[in-house]
Amino acid sequence: RFTISREYAKNTVYLQMNSLKPEDT
């Protein structure tokens, strides 16, 4: 459901969260 990635040019890491559930709160 989740995907982690990074963009070196912006010194940024991302967490794409799909199909979120209440337990993800």
PDB file of all heavy atoms in Angstrom:
ATOM      1  N   ARG A   1       0.814  -1.214   0.000  1.00  0.00           N
ATOM      2  CA  ARG A   1       0.000   0.000   0.000  1.00  0.00           C
ATOM      3  C   ARG A   1       0.851   1.270   0.000  1.00  0.00           C
ATOM      4  O   ARG A   1       0.465   2.273  -0.588  1.00  0.00           O
ATOM      5  CB  ARG A   1      -0.929   0.029   1.212  1.00  0.00           C
ATOM      6  CG  ARG A   1      -1.929  -1.121   1.249  1.00  0.00           C
ATOM      7  CD  ARG A   1      -2.940  -0.926   2.368  1.00  0.00           C
ATOM      8  NE  ARG A   1      -2.299  -0.939   3.687  1.00  0.00           N
ATOM      9  CZ  ARG A   1      -2.358   0.065   4.561  1.00  0.00           C
ATOM     10  NH1 ARG A   1      -3.027   1.170   4.259  1.00  0.00           N
ATOM     11  NH2 ARG A   1      -1.756  -0.037   5.740  1.00  0.00           N
ATOM     12  N   PHE A   2       1.985   1.222   0.680  1.00  0.00           N
ATOM     13  CA  PHE A   2       2.858   2.391   0.807  1.00  0.00           C
ATOM     14  C   PHE A   2       4.098   2.211  -0.055  1.00  0.00           C
ATOM     15  O   PHE A   2       4.590   1.090  -0.246  1.00  0.00           O
ATOM     16  CB  PHE A   2       3.305   2.592   2.256  1.00  0.00           C
ATOM     17  CG  PHE A   2       2.217   3.010   3.207  1.00  0.00           C
ATOM     18  CD1 PHE A   2       0.881   3.011   2.836  1.00  0.00           C
ATOM     19  CD2 PHE A   2       2.549   3.408   4.495  1.00  0.00           C
ATOM     20  CE1 PHE A   2      -0.112   3.398   3.720  1.00  0.00           C
ATOM     21  CE2 PHE A   2       1.569   3.793   5.391  1.00  0.00           C
ATOM     22  CZ  PHE A   2       0.241   3.792   5.012  1.00  0.00           C
ATOM     23  N   THR A   3       4.633   3.325  -0.545  1.00  0.00           N
ATOM     24  CA  THR A   3       5.849   3.315  -1.325  1.00  0.00           C
ATOM     25  C   THR A   3       6.754   4.448  -0.870  1.00  0.00           C
ATOM     26  O   THR A   3       6.326   5.602  -0.823  1.00  0.00           O
ATOM     27  CB  THR A   3       5.567   3.464  -2.830  1.00  0.00           C
ATOM     28  OG1 THR A   3       4.701   2.421  -3.272  1.00  0.00           O
ATOM     29  CG2 THR A   3       6.869   3.395  -3.622  1.00  0.00           C
ATOM     30  N   ILE A   4       7.987   4.122  -0.544  1.00  0.00           N
ATOM     31  CA  ILE A   4       8.958   5.133  -0.167  1.00  0.00           C
ATOM     32  C   ILE A   4       9.879   5.400  -1.354  1.00  0.00           C
ATOM     33  O   ILE A   4      10.249   4.483  -2.090  1.00  0.00           O
ATOM     34  CB  ILE A   4       9.764   4.694   1.078  1.00  0.00           C
ATOM     35  CG1 ILE A   4      10.654   5.838   1.579  1.00  0.00           C
ATOM     36  CG2 ILE A   4      10.584   3.443   0.797  1.00  0.00           C
ATOM     37  CD1 ILE A   4      11.316   5.548   2.927  1.00  0.00           C
ATOM     38  N   SER A   5      10.230   6.652  -1.547  1.00  0.00           N
ATOM     39  CA  SER A   5      11.117   7.037  -2.630  1.00  0.00           C
ATOM     40  C   SER A   5      11.880   8.284  -2.222  1.00  0.00           C
ATOM     41  O   SER A   5      11.577   8.904  -1.201  1.00  0.00           O
ATOM     42  CB  SER A   5      10.332   7.281  -3.926  1.00  0.00           C
ATOM     43  OG  SER A   5       9.410   8.348  -3.765  1.00  0.00           O
ATOM     44  N   ARG A   6      12.856   8.650  -3.019  1.00  0.00           N
ATOM     45  CA  ARG A   6      13.613   9.858  -2.711  1.00  0.00           C
ATOM     46  C   ARG A   6      13.959  10.599  -3.993  1.00  0.00           C
ATOM     47  O   ARG A   6      14.120  10.007  -5.063  1.00  0.00           O
ATOM     48  CB  ARG A   6      14.872   9.526  -1.909  1.00  0.00           C
ATOM     49  CG  ARG A   6      15.911   8.696  -2.627  1.00  0.00           C
ATOM     50  CD  ARG A   6      16.900   8.076  -1.628  1.00  0.00           C
ATOM     51  NE  ARG A   6      17.519   9.074  -0.775  1.00  0.00           N
ATOM     52  CZ  ARG A   6      18.158   8.801   0.370  1.00  0.00           C
ATOM     53  NH1 ARG A   6      18.248   7.543   0.793  1.00  0.00           N
ATOM     54  NH2 ARG A   6      18.697   9.775   1.081  1.00  0.00           N
ATOM     55  N   GLU A   7      14.086  11.906  -3.856  1.00  0.00           N
ATOM     56  CA  GLU A   7      14.447  12.787  -4.950  1.00  0.00           C
ATOM     57  C   GLU A   7      15.702  13.532  -4.514  1.00  0.00           C
ATOM     58  O   GLU A   7      15.637  14.473  -3.726  1.00  0.00           O
ATOM     59  CB  GLU A   7      13.313  13.751  -5.271  1.00  0.00           C
ATOM     60  CG  GLU A   7      13.558  14.609  -6.497  1.00  0.00           C
ATOM     61  CD  GLU A   7      12.353  15.457  -6.866  1.00  0.00           C
ATOM     62  OE1 GLU A   7      11.321  15.382  -6.179  1.00  0.00           O
ATOM     63  OE2 GLU A   7      12.448  16.197  -7.858  1.00  0.00           O
ATOM     64  N   TYR A   8      16.837  13.107  -5.031  1.00  0.00           N
ATOM     65  CA  TYR A   8      18.104  13.639  -4.569  1.00  0.00           C
ATOM     66  C   TYR A   8      18.269  15.125  -4.852  1.00  0.00           C
ATOM     67  O   TYR A   8      18.853  15.852  -4.043  1.00  0.00           O
ATOM     68  CB  TYR A   8      19.257  12.856  -5.200  1.00  0.00           C
ATOM     69  CG  TYR A   8      19.409  11.473  -4.639  1.00  0.00           C
ATOM     70  CD1 TYR A   8      18.862  10.365  -5.293  1.00  0.00           C
ATOM     71  CD2 TYR A   8      20.083  11.263  -3.440  1.00  0.00           C
ATOM     72  CE1 TYR A   8      18.996   9.095  -4.765  1.00  0.00           C
ATOM     73  CE2 TYR A   8      20.210   9.994  -2.917  1.00  0.00           C
ATOM     74  CZ  TYR A   8      19.665   8.914  -3.579  1.00  0.00           C
ATOM     75  OH  TYR A   8      19.796   7.648  -3.046  1.00  0.00           O
ATOM     76  N   ALA A   9      17.779  15.586  -5.984  1.00  0.00           N
ATOM     77  CA  ALA A   9      17.943  16.983  -6.354  1.00  0.00           C
ATOM     78  C   ALA A   9      17.268  17.921  -5.365  1.00  0.00           C
ATOM     79  O   ALA A   9      17.667  19.075  -5.233  1.00  0.00           O
ATOM     80  CB  ALA A   9      17.406  17.221  -7.765  1.00  0.00           C
ATOM     81  N   LYS A  10      16.250  17.431  -4.675  1.00  0.00           N
ATOM     82  CA  LYS A  10      15.532  18.253  -3.712  1.00  0.00           C
ATOM     83  C   LYS A  10      15.756  17.820  -2.268  1.00  0.00           C
ATOM     84  O   LYS A  10      15.101  18.336  -1.365  1.00  0.00           O
ATOM     85  CB  LYS A  10      14.034  18.244  -4.032  1.00  0.00           C
ATOM     86  CG  LYS A  10      13.685  18.921  -5.342  1.00  0.00           C
ATOM     87  CD  LYS A  10      12.182  19.033  -5.518  1.00  0.00           C
ATOM     88  CE  LYS A  10      11.839  19.811  -6.775  1.00  0.00           C
ATOM     89  NZ  LYS A  10      10.372  19.970  -6.952  1.00  0.00           N
ATOM     90  N   ASN A  11      16.654  16.881  -2.054  1.00  0.00           N
ATOM     91  CA  ASN A  11      16.928  16.377  -0.704  1.00  0.00           C
ATOM     92  C   ASN A  11      15.639  15.996   0.013  1.00  0.00           C
ATOM     93  O   ASN A  11      15.423  16.343   1.175  1.00  0.00           O
ATOM     94  CB  ASN A  11      17.691  17.418   0.123  1.00  0.00           C
ATOM     95  CG  ASN A  11      19.112  17.619  -0.350  1.00  0.00           C
ATOM     96  OD1 ASN A  11      19.647  16.822  -1.114  1.00  0.00           O
ATOM     97  ND2 ASN A  11      19.736  18.690   0.114  1.00  0.00           N
ATOM     98  N   THR A  12      14.809  15.275  -0.686  1.00  0.00           N
ATOM     99  CA  THR A  12      13.483  14.966  -0.175  1.00  0.00           C
ATOM    100  C   THR A  12      13.183  13.478  -0.301  1.00  0.00           C
ATOM    101  O   THR A  12      13.493  12.860  -1.327  1.00  0.00           O
ATOM    102  CB  THR A  12      12.413  15.773  -0.918  1.00  0.00           C
ATOM    103  OG1 THR A  12      12.661  17.174  -0.728  1.00  0.00           O
ATOM    104  CG2 THR A  12      11.022  15.447  -0.402  1.00  0.00           C
ATOM    105  N   VAL A  13      12.577  12.936   0.730  1.00  0.00           N
ATOM    106  CA  VAL A  13      12.084  11.569   0.701  1.00  0.00           C
ATOM    107  C   VAL A  13      10.570  11.618   0.795  1.00  0.00           C
ATOM    108  O   VAL A  13      10.008  12.489   1.466  1.00  0.00           O
ATOM    109  CB  VAL A  13      12.703  10.722   1.835  1.00  0.00           C
ATOM    110  CG1 VAL A  13      12.292  11.246   3.199  1.00  0.00           C
ATOM    111  CG2 VAL A  13      12.323   9.257   1.679  1.00  0.00           C
ATOM    112  N   TYR A  14       9.913  10.698   0.115  1.00  0.00           N
ATOM    113  CA  TYR A  14       8.462  10.674   0.053  1.00  0.00           C
ATOM    114  C   TYR A  14       7.921   9.367   0.598  1.00  0.00           C
ATOM    115  O   TYR A  14       8.591   8.336   0.586  1.00  0.00           O
ATOM    116  CB  TYR A  14       7.973  10.838  -1.388  1.00  0.00           C
ATOM    117  CG  TYR A  14       8.472  12.081  -2.071  1.00  0.00           C
ATOM    118  CD1 TYR A  14       9.573  12.034  -2.916  1.00  0.00           C
ATOM    119  CD2 TYR A  14       7.839  13.303  -1.885  1.00  0.00           C
ATOM    120  CE1 TYR A  14      10.033  13.174  -3.552  1.00  0.00           C
ATOM    121  CE2 TYR A  14       8.285  14.442  -2.513  1.00  0.00           C
ATOM    122  CZ  TYR A  14       9.386  14.378  -3.347  1.00  0.00           C
ATOM    123  OH  TYR A  14       9.833  15.513  -3.980  1.00  0.00           O
ATOM    124  N   LEU A  15       6.699   9.434   1.056  1.00  0.00           N
ATOM    125  CA  LEU A  15       5.960   8.246   1.421  1.00  0.00           C
ATOM    126  C   LEU A  15       4.589   8.335   0.777  1.00  0.00           C
ATOM    127  O   LEU A  15       3.736   9.111   1.220  1.00  0.00           O
ATOM    128  CB  LEU A  15       5.825   8.101   2.940  1.00  0.00           C
ATOM    129  CG  LEU A  15       5.161   6.811   3.413  1.00  0.00           C
ATOM    130  CD1 LEU A  15       6.055   5.610   3.119  1.00  0.00           C
ATOM    131  CD2 LEU A  15       4.836   6.881   4.900  1.00  0.00           C
ATOM    132  N   GLN A  16       4.408   7.581  -0.287  1.00  0.00           N
ATOM    133  CA  GLN A  16       3.115   7.516  -0.952  1.00  0.00           C
ATOM    134  C   GLN A  16       2.261   6.490  -0.240  1.00  0.00           C
ATOM    135  O   GLN A  16       2.637   5.323  -0.141  1.00  0.00           O
ATOM    136  CB  GLN A  16       3.288   7.140  -2.423  1.00  0.00           C
ATOM    137  CG  GLN A  16       1.980   6.988  -3.190  1.00  0.00           C
ATOM    138  CD  GLN A  16       1.241   8.292  -3.338  1.00  0.00           C
ATOM    139  OE1 GLN A  16       1.843   9.310  -3.678  1.00  0.00           O
ATOM    140  NE2 GLN A  16      -0.055   8.274  -3.084  1.00  0.00           N
ATOM    141  N   MET A  17       1.119   6.915   0.245  1.00  0.00           N
ATOM    142  CA  MET A  17       0.237   6.057   1.024  1.00  0.00           C
ATOM    143  C   MET A  17      -1.080   5.896   0.281  1.00  0.00           C
ATOM    144  O   MET A  17      -1.810   6.866   0.084  1.00  0.00           O
ATOM    145  CB  MET A  17       0.000   6.640   2.421  1.00  0.00           C
ATOM    146  CG  MET A  17       1.280   6.924   3.192  1.00  0.00           C
ATOM    147  SD  MET A  17       0.961   7.493   4.876  1.00  0.00           S
ATOM    148  CE  MET A  17       0.138   9.051   4.538  1.00  0.00           C
ATOM    149  N   ASN A  18      -1.365   4.685  -0.127  1.00  0.00           N
ATOM    150  CA  ASN A  18      -2.600   4.369  -0.826  1.00  0.00           C
ATOM    151  C   ASN A  18      -3.465   3.448   0.021  1.00  0.00           C
ATOM    152  O   ASN A  18      -2.989   2.789   0.941  1.00  0.00           O
ATOM    153  CB  ASN A  18      -2.300   3.702  -2.169  1.00  0.00           C
ATOM    154  CG  ASN A  18      -1.528   4.588  -3.119  1.00  0.00           C
ATOM    155  OD1 ASN A  18      -1.692   5.808  -3.125  1.00  0.00           O
ATOM    156  ND2 ASN A  18      -0.683   3.974  -3.942  1.00  0.00           N
ATOM    157  N   SER A  19      -4.731   3.402  -0.317  1.00  0.00           N
ATOM    158  CA  SER A  19      -5.679   2.520   0.378  1.00  0.00           C
ATOM    159  C   SER A  19      -5.582   2.678   1.885  1.00  0.00           C
ATOM    160  O   SER A  19      -5.485   1.703   2.631  1.00  0.00           O
ATOM    161  CB  SER A  19      -5.436   1.067  -0.025  1.00  0.00           C
ATOM    162  OG  SER A  19      -5.575   0.895  -1.419  1.00  0.00           O
ATOM    163  N   LEU A  20      -5.624   3.902   2.329  1.00  0.00           N
ATOM    164  CA  LEU A  20      -5.450   4.183   3.747  1.00  0.00           C
ATOM    165  C   LEU A  20      -6.573   3.582   4.580  1.00  0.00           C
ATOM    166  O   LEU A  20      -7.727   3.537   4.159  1.00  0.00           O
ATOM    167  CB  LEU A  20      -5.369   5.685   3.981  1.00  0.00           C
ATOM    168  CG  LEU A  20      -4.021   6.308   3.612  1.00  0.00           C
ATOM    169  CD1 LEU A  20      -4.142   7.817   3.472  1.00  0.00           C
ATOM    170  CD2 LEU A  20      -2.973   5.947   4.663  1.00  0.00           C
ATOM    171  N   LYS A  21      -6.203   3.129   5.761  1.00  0.00           N
ATOM    172  CA  LYS A  21      -7.120   2.521   6.702  1.00  0.00           C
ATOM    173  C   LYS A  21      -7.129   3.323   7.999  1.00  0.00           C
ATOM    174  O   LYS A  21      -6.156   4.005   8.314  1.00  0.00           O
ATOM    175  CB  LYS A  21      -6.689   1.081   7.009  1.00  0.00           C
ATOM    176  CG  LYS A  21      -6.501   0.203   5.792  1.00  0.00           C
ATOM    177  CD  LYS A  21      -5.935  -1.146   6.203  1.00  0.00           C
ATOM    178  CE  LYS A  21      -5.706  -2.045   5.006  1.00  0.00           C
ATOM    179  NZ  LYS A  21      -5.131  -3.353   5.412  1.00  0.00           N
ATOM    180  N   PRO A  22      -8.208   3.231   8.766  1.00  0.00           N
ATOM    181  CA  PRO A  22      -8.220   3.930  10.060  1.00  0.00           C
ATOM    182  C   PRO A  22      -7.044   3.561  10.951  1.00  0.00           C
ATOM    183  O   PRO A  22      -6.559   4.407  11.710  1.00  0.00           O
ATOM    184  CB  PRO A  22      -9.551   3.478  10.677  1.00  0.00           C
ATOM    185  CG  PRO A  22     -10.435   3.236   9.502  1.00  0.00           C
ATOM    186  CD  PRO A  22      -9.524   2.638   8.460  1.00  0.00           C
ATOM    187  N   GLU A  23      -6.571   2.347  10.860  1.00  0.00           N
ATOM    188  CA  GLU A  23      -5.439   1.912  11.667  1.00  0.00           C
ATOM    189  C   GLU A  23      -4.136   2.594  11.271  1.00  0.00           C
ATOM    190  O   GLU A  23      -3.138   2.474  11.980  1.00  0.00           O
ATOM    191  CB  GLU A  23      -5.274   0.394  11.583  1.00  0.00           C
ATOM    192  CG  GLU A  23      -4.936  -0.109  10.189  1.00  0.00           C
ATOM    193  CD  GLU A  23      -5.114  -1.614  10.043  1.00  0.00           C
ATOM    194  OE1 GLU A  23      -6.236  -2.096  10.299  1.00  0.00           O
ATOM    195  OE2 GLU A  23      -4.140  -2.299   9.691  1.00  0.00           O
ATOM    196  N   ASP A  24      -4.126   3.302  10.139  1.00  0.00           N
ATOM    197  CA  ASP A  24      -2.951   4.065   9.732  1.00  0.00           C
ATOM    198  C   ASP A  24      -2.870   5.415  10.428  1.00  0.00           C
ATOM    199  O   ASP A  24      -1.872   6.124  10.273  1.00  0.00           O
ATOM    200  CB  ASP A  24      -2.950   4.288   8.222  1.00  0.00           C
ATOM    201  CG  ASP A  24      -2.814   2.996   7.438  1.00  0.00           C
ATOM    202  OD1 ASP A  24      -2.020   2.125   7.848  1.00  0.00           O
ATOM    203  OD2 ASP A  24      -3.507   2.856   6.406  1.00  0.00           O
ATOM    204  N   THR A  25      -3.899   5.785  11.160  1.00  0.00           N
ATOM    205  CA  THR A  25      -3.915   7.067  11.858  1.00  0.00           C
ATOM    206  C   THR A  25      -2.763   7.137  12.856  1.00  0.00           C
ATOM    207  O   THR A  25      -2.625   6.283  13.732  1.00  0.00           O
ATOM    208  CB  THR A  25      -5.245   7.272  12.581  1.00  0.00           C
ATOM    209  OG1 THR A  25      -6.303   7.342  11.618  1.00  0.00           O
ATOM    210  CG2 THR A  25      -5.235   8.553  13.392  1.00  0.00           C
TER     211      THR A  25
END
